[in-house]
Structures are given as C-alpha cells and as structure tokens.
C-alpha atoms as a PDB file:
ATOM      1  CA  UNK A   1     114.975 104.262 119.802  1.00  0.00           C
ATOM      2  CA  UNK A   2     116.310 106.887 117.415  1.00  0.00           C
ATOM      3  CA  UNK A   3     114.531 110.239 117.309  1.00  0.00           C
ATOM      4  CA  UNK A   4     114.311 111.087 113.603  1.00  0.00           C
ATOM      5  CA  UNK A   5     113.586 114.423 111.911  1.00  0.00           C
ATOM      6  CA  UNK A   6     109.861 114.573 111.097  1.00  0.00           C
ATOM      7  CA  UNK A   7     110.491 114.933 107.368  1.00  0.00           C
ATOM      8  CA  UNK A   8     112.127 111.479 107.471  1.00  0.00           C
ATOM      9  CA  UNK A   9     109.274 109.659 109.247  1.00  0.00           C
ATOM     10  CA  UNK A  10     105.952 111.073 108.023  1.00  0.00           C
ATOM     11  CA  UNK A  11     104.443 110.727 104.541  1.00  0.00           C
ATOM     12  CA  UNK A  12     103.521 114.430 104.576  1.00  0.00           C
ATOM     13  CA  UNK A  13     105.591 117.139 102.875  1.00  0.00           C
ATOM     14  CA  UNK A  14     106.221 120.864 103.169  1.00  0.00           C
ATOM     15  CA  UNK A  15     103.667 122.935 105.051  1.00  0.00           C
ATOM     16  CA  UNK A  16     101.452 119.879 105.587  1.00  0.00           C
ATOM     17  CA  UNK A  17     103.872 118.714 108.285  1.00  0.00           C
ATOM     18  CA  UNK A  18     102.168 120.492 111.170  1.00  0.00           C
ATOM     19  CA  UNK A  19     104.378 119.210 113.987  1.00  0.00           C
ATOM     20  CA  UNK A  20     107.764 120.775 114.724  1.00  0.00           C
ATOM     21  CA  UNK A  21     109.738 117.888 116.172  1.00  0.00           C
ATOM     22  CA  UNK A  22     109.772 114.602 118.006  1.00  0.00           C
ATOM     23  CA  UNK A  23     110.671 115.001 121.640  1.00  0.00           C
ATOM     24  CA  UNK A  24     110.659 111.336 122.649  1.00  0.00           C
ATOM     25  CA  UNK A  25     109.755 107.976 121.150  1.00  0.00           C
ATOM     26  CA  UNK A  26     109.823 104.546 122.748  1.00  0.00           C
ATOM     27  CA  UNK A  27     107.918 101.282 122.482  1.00  0.00           C
ATOM     28  CA  UNK A  28     104.249 102.133 122.071  1.00  0.00           C
ATOM     29  CA  UNK A  29     104.505 105.877 122.794  1.00  0.00           C
ATOM     30  CA  UNK A  30     105.648 109.084 121.126  1.00  0.00           C
ATOM     31  CA  UNK A  31     105.694 112.727 122.245  1.00  0.00           C
ATOM     32  CA  UNK A  32     105.915 115.432 119.580  1.00  0.00           C
ATOM     33  CA  UNK A  33     106.079 119.221 119.814  1.00  0.00           C
ATOM     34  CA  UNK A  34     104.101 121.922 118.028  1.00  0.00           C
ATOM     35  CA  UNK A  35     104.630 125.606 118.755  1.00  0.00           C
ATOM     36  CA  UNK A  36     101.766 127.659 117.354  1.00  0.00           C
ATOM     37  CA  UNK A  37     103.094 130.309 114.971  1.00  0.00           C
ATOM     38  CA  UNK A  38     100.961 133.288 113.857  1.00  0.00           C
ATOM     39  CA  UNK A  39     101.603 132.549 110.168  1.00  0.00           C
ATOM     40  CA  UNK A  40     101.146 128.778 110.315  1.00  0.00           C
ATOM     41  CA  UNK A  41      98.798 126.665 108.246  1.00  0.00           C
ATOM     42  CA  UNK A  42      95.177 126.666 109.561  1.00  0.00           C
ATOM     43  CA  UNK A  43      95.874 129.605 111.907  1.00  0.00           C
ATOM     44  CA  UNK A  44      92.952 132.028 112.319  1.00  0.00           C
ATOM     45  CA  UNK A  45      93.165 135.785 111.671  1.00  0.00           C
ATOM     46  CA  UNK A  46      93.850 136.321 115.387  1.00  0.00           C
ATOM     47  CA  UNK A  47      96.891 134.028 115.213  1.00  0.00           C
ATOM     48  CA  UNK A  48      95.378 131.090 117.090  1.00  0.00           C
ATOM     49  CA  UNK A  49      95.125 127.507 115.881  1.00  0.00           C
ATOM     50  CA  UNK A  50      91.563 126.139 116.059  1.00  0.00           C
ATOM     51  CA  UNK A  51      91.214 123.279 118.541  1.00  0.00           C
ATOM     52  CA  UNK A  52      89.822 120.967 115.836  1.00  0.00           C
ATOM     53  CA  UNK A  53      93.311 120.915 114.280  1.00  0.00           C
ATOM     54  CA  UNK A  54      94.330 118.981 117.385  1.00  0.00           C
ATOM     55  CA  UNK A  55      92.951 115.829 115.756  1.00  0.00           C
ATOM     56  CA  UNK A  56      95.393 116.244 112.848  1.00  0.00           C
ATOM     57  CA  UNK A  57      98.264 116.931 115.260  1.00  0.00           C
ATOM     58  CA  UNK A  58      97.407 113.666 117.014  1.00  0.00           C
ATOM     59  CA  UNK A  59      97.179 111.802 113.697  1.00  0.00           C
ATOM     60  CA  UNK A  60     100.554 113.153 112.589  1.00  0.00           C
ATOM     61  CA  UNK A  61     102.111 112.060 115.878  1.00  0.00           C
ATOM     62  CA  UNK A  62     100.833 108.537 115.139  1.00  0.00           C
ATOM     63  CA  UNK A  63     102.331 108.752 111.638  1.00  0.00           C
ATOM     64  CA  UNK A  64     105.635 109.838 113.184  1.00  0.00           C
ATOM     65  CA  UNK A  65     105.507 106.914 115.646  1.00  0.00           C
ATOM     66  CA  UNK A  66     104.917 104.458 112.787  1.00  0.00           C
ATOM     67  CA  UNK A  67     107.642 106.073 110.701  1.00  0.00           C
ATOM     68  CA  UNK A  68     110.182 105.874 113.536  1.00  0.00           C
ATOM     69  CA  UNK A  69     109.418 102.182 113.976  1.00  0.00           C
ATOM     70  CA  UNK A  70     109.746 101.577 110.217  1.00  0.00           C
ATOM     71  CA  UNK A  71     113.044 103.469 109.976  1.00  0.00           C
ATOM     72  CA  UNK A  72     114.402 101.607 113.001  1.00  0.00           C
ATOM     73  CA  UNK A  73     114.147  98.311 111.061  1.00  0.00           C
ATOM     74  CA  UNK A  74     115.210  99.871 107.715  1.00  0.00           C
ATOM     75  CA  UNK A  75     111.739  99.741 106.153  1.00  0.00           C
ATOM     76  CA  UNK A  76     110.144 102.561 104.161  1.00  0.00           C
ATOM     77  CA  UNK A  77     107.682 104.988 105.717  1.00  0.00           C
ATOM     78  CA  UNK A  78     104.190 103.942 104.651  1.00  0.00           C
ATOM     79  CA  UNK A  79     100.950 105.753 104.093  1.00  0.00           C
ATOM     80  CA  UNK A  80      98.276 105.332 106.765  1.00  0.00           C
ATOM     81  CA  UNK A  81      94.697 106.492 107.185  1.00  0.00           C
ATOM     82  CA  UNK A  82      92.798 108.095 110.032  1.00  0.00           C
ATOM     83  CA  UNK A  83      89.540 106.139 110.199  1.00  0.00           C
ATOM     84  CA  UNK A  84      87.907 107.828 113.126  1.00  0.00           C
ATOM     85  CA  UNK A  85      88.139 109.801 116.313  1.00  0.00           C
ATOM     86  CA  UNK A  86      86.339 108.953 119.513  1.00  0.00           C
ATOM     87  CA  UNK A  87      85.521 111.430 122.198  1.00  0.00           C
ATOM     88  CA  UNK A  88      87.768 114.320 121.135  1.00  0.00           C
ATOM     89  CA  UNK A  89      87.606 116.780 123.998  1.00  0.00           C
ATOM     90  CA  UNK A  90      89.524 120.008 124.373  1.00  0.00           C
ATOM     91  CA  UNK A  91      89.245 122.589 127.126  1.00  0.00           C
ATOM     92  CA  UNK A  92      89.948 125.527 124.769  1.00  0.00           C
ATOM     93  CA  UNK A  93      88.425 126.616 121.458  1.00  0.00           C
ATOM     94  CA  UNK A  94      91.829 127.464 120.003  1.00  0.00           C
ATOM     95  CA  UNK A  95      95.519 127.061 120.776  1.00  0.00           C
ATOM     96  CA  UNK A  96      96.984 130.591 121.180  1.00  0.00           C
ATOM     97  CA  UNK A  97     100.035 131.848 119.299  1.00  0.00           C
ATOM     98  CA  UNK A  98     103.206 130.851 121.102  1.00  0.00           C
ATOM     99  CA  UNK A  99     101.668 127.822 122.800  1.00  0.00           C
ATOM    100  CA  UNK A 100     104.148 124.954 122.995  1.00  0.00           C
ATOM    101  CA  UNK A 101     101.938 121.914 122.606  1.00  0.00           C
ATOM    102  CA  UNK A 102     103.109 118.462 123.654  1.00  0.00           C
ATOM    103  CA  UNK A 103     101.296 115.955 121.446  1.00  0.00           C
ATOM    104  CA  UNK A 104     101.379 112.416 122.793  1.00  0.00           C
ATOM    105  CA  UNK A 105     100.140 109.195 121.215  1.00  0.00           C
ATOM    106  CA  UNK A 106     100.255 105.732 122.746  1.00  0.00           C
ATOM    107  CA  UNK A 107      99.192 102.589 120.906  1.00  0.00           C
ATOM    108  CA  UNK A 108      96.646 100.602 122.875  1.00  0.00           C
ATOM    109  CA  UNK A 109      95.534  98.105 120.209  1.00  0.00           C
ATOM    110  CA  UNK A 110      96.676  96.729 116.863  1.00  0.00           C
ATOM    111  CA  UNK A 111      95.986  93.707 114.709  1.00  0.00           C
ATOM    112  CA  UNK A 112      97.732  91.847 111.908  1.00  0.00           C
ATOM    113  CA  UNK A 113      95.557  93.525 109.251  1.00  0.00           C
ATOM    114  CA  UNK A 114      96.896  97.037 109.933  1.00  0.00           C
ATOM    115  CA  UNK A 115      94.201  98.392 112.259  1.00  0.00           C
ATOM    116  CA  UNK A 116      95.300 100.279 115.346  1.00  0.00           C
ATOM    117  CA  UNK A 117      93.926 102.410 118.164  1.00  0.00           C
ATOM    118  CA  UNK A 118      95.909 105.141 119.884  1.00  0.00           C
ATOM    119  CA  UNK A 119      95.144 107.114 123.017  1.00  0.00           C
ATOM    120  CA  UNK A 120      96.234 110.677 122.355  1.00  0.00           C
ATOM    121  CA  UNK A 121      96.552 113.909 124.270  1.00  0.00           C
ATOM    122  CA  UNK A 122      97.740 117.468 123.804  1.00  0.00           C
ATOM    123  CA  UNK A 123      99.034 119.399 126.792  1.00  0.00           C
ATOM    124  CA  UNK A 124     100.357 122.893 127.435  1.00  0.00           C
ATOM    125  CA  UNK A 125      99.892 125.292 130.360  1.00  0.00           C
ATOM    126  CA  UNK A 126      96.115 125.742 130.684  1.00  0.00           C
ATOM    127  CA  UNK A 127      95.453 123.469 127.690  1.00  0.00           C
ATOM    128  CA  UNK A 128      94.363 119.841 127.573  1.00  0.00           C
ATOM    129  CA  UNK A 129      92.872 117.801 124.742  1.00  0.00           C
ATOM    130  CA  UNK A 130      92.379 114.066 124.461  1.00  0.00           C
ATOM    131  CA  UNK A 131      90.940 111.491 122.081  1.00  0.00           C
ATOM    132  CA  UNK A 132      91.182 107.923 120.864  1.00  0.00           C
ATOM    133  CA  UNK A 133      92.096 107.636 117.205  1.00  0.00           C
ATOM    134  CA  UNK A 134      91.509 104.583 115.037  1.00  0.00           C
ATOM    135  CA  UNK A 135      93.966 104.199 112.177  1.00  0.00           C
ATOM    136  CA  UNK A 136      94.618 101.806 109.318  1.00  0.00           C
ATOM    137  CA  UNK A 137      97.833 101.100 107.448  1.00  0.00           C
ATOM    138  CA  UNK A 138      97.405  98.756 104.485  1.00  0.00           C
ATOM    139  CA  UNK A 139     100.297  96.423 103.705  1.00  0.00           C
ATOM    140  CA  UNK A 140     100.377  97.785 100.135  1.00  0.00           C
ATOM    141  CA  UNK A 141      98.861 101.246  99.673  1.00  0.00           C
ATOM    142  CA  UNK A 142      98.917 101.041  95.843  1.00  0.00           C
ATOM    143  CA  UNK A 143      97.007  97.741  95.842  1.00  0.00           C
ATOM    144  CA  UNK A 144      94.582  99.187  98.394  1.00  0.00           C
ATOM    145  CA  UNK A 145      93.850 102.201  96.154  1.00  0.00           C
ATOM    146  CA  UNK A 146      93.404  99.944  93.130  1.00  0.00           C
ATOM    147  CA  UNK A 147      90.925  97.806  95.083  1.00  0.00           C
ATOM    148  CA  UNK A 148      88.947 100.867  96.169  1.00  0.00           C
ATOM    149  CA  UNK A 149      88.924 102.264  92.632  1.00  0.00           C
ATOM    150  CA  UNK A 150      87.687  98.925  91.305  1.00  0.00           C
ATOM    151  CA  UNK A 151      84.912  98.736  93.891  1.00  0.00           C
ATOM    152  CA  UNK A 152      83.849 102.301  93.127  1.00  0.00           C
ATOM    153  CA  UNK A 153      83.356 101.495  89.448  1.00  0.00           C
ATOM    154  CA  UNK A 154      81.050  98.604  90.363  1.00  0.00           C
ATOM    155  CA  UNK A 155      78.631 100.701  92.404  1.00  0.00           C
END
C-alpha cells in the first residue's frame, strides 16, 4: 500500500496534525512517527508532551490509516470521530523532548455502519502506552451533523 504524506490522508490541518509521518501501512495496521519537539503543540514548559496527548496521537494514526485506505481506492478522506478510549495506560507521565515515538494502530473490529475498534500502542526506548479506541465514521458527515442539530433542537 502507498505511504502518503499525512497532510493528504488526515482531515486535520496545520499545527493540529500532531504526527510527523507514516512509517508503514498495510492491511489492518499502520505505524506512524512523532518526534517530540520543545515548541510543539501541547508541549509543557519543560518541553515534554503530556502522556494524555498519546490518545490523540493514537486517534490521528487511525485517521491516517483510514485516509490511506480511502486514497488507495481514489475516494476522499472523510471525517471520523473518536467515541471512546478503553484502558489507556502509559508508563510515563510525559514524553520527553526528542523522543521518537512509534504510534501503532491495528483494526480489530468494524461494522457496516462505520463503527470500529483499534488496538493502539506507542513505543520508544523506556516508553510504552497502549489503549483500545472506538471510532465512528459516518457515511455522510454533513447529513450526520444535520441529524444531530435537528435532534438537539427537539430536546
């Protein structure tokens, strides 16, 4: 499978793209790279990236996986939603400046309605984080937003 530039496969833009690159993508699995920079988004005053940002790194790796699959069949990249995280565990409180994080996501479940579950991990020397993320990608994001807006006005 083609390894695309992140800007071409995620619905994020500019500084909100937290990952640096895609290292490998195949079938149900993707591995992305993030090197923690002292001036990066969400970085603390000491230059470290809080461990809770790992959930977003995992979610963006899933978005990149979905985008690569869409681009491979000449479909547009679509918006998706992180619905939940199960059992996020990380052995550090923050990822230090200079850490080269390997962010892996592997799809373990999906259905025809757009729901999916991915087993994710982040690894670097002395660093390990893992979680299961549940995601949803509606067939038509605009129609989905219209439906939600309509339901909200009826509450």
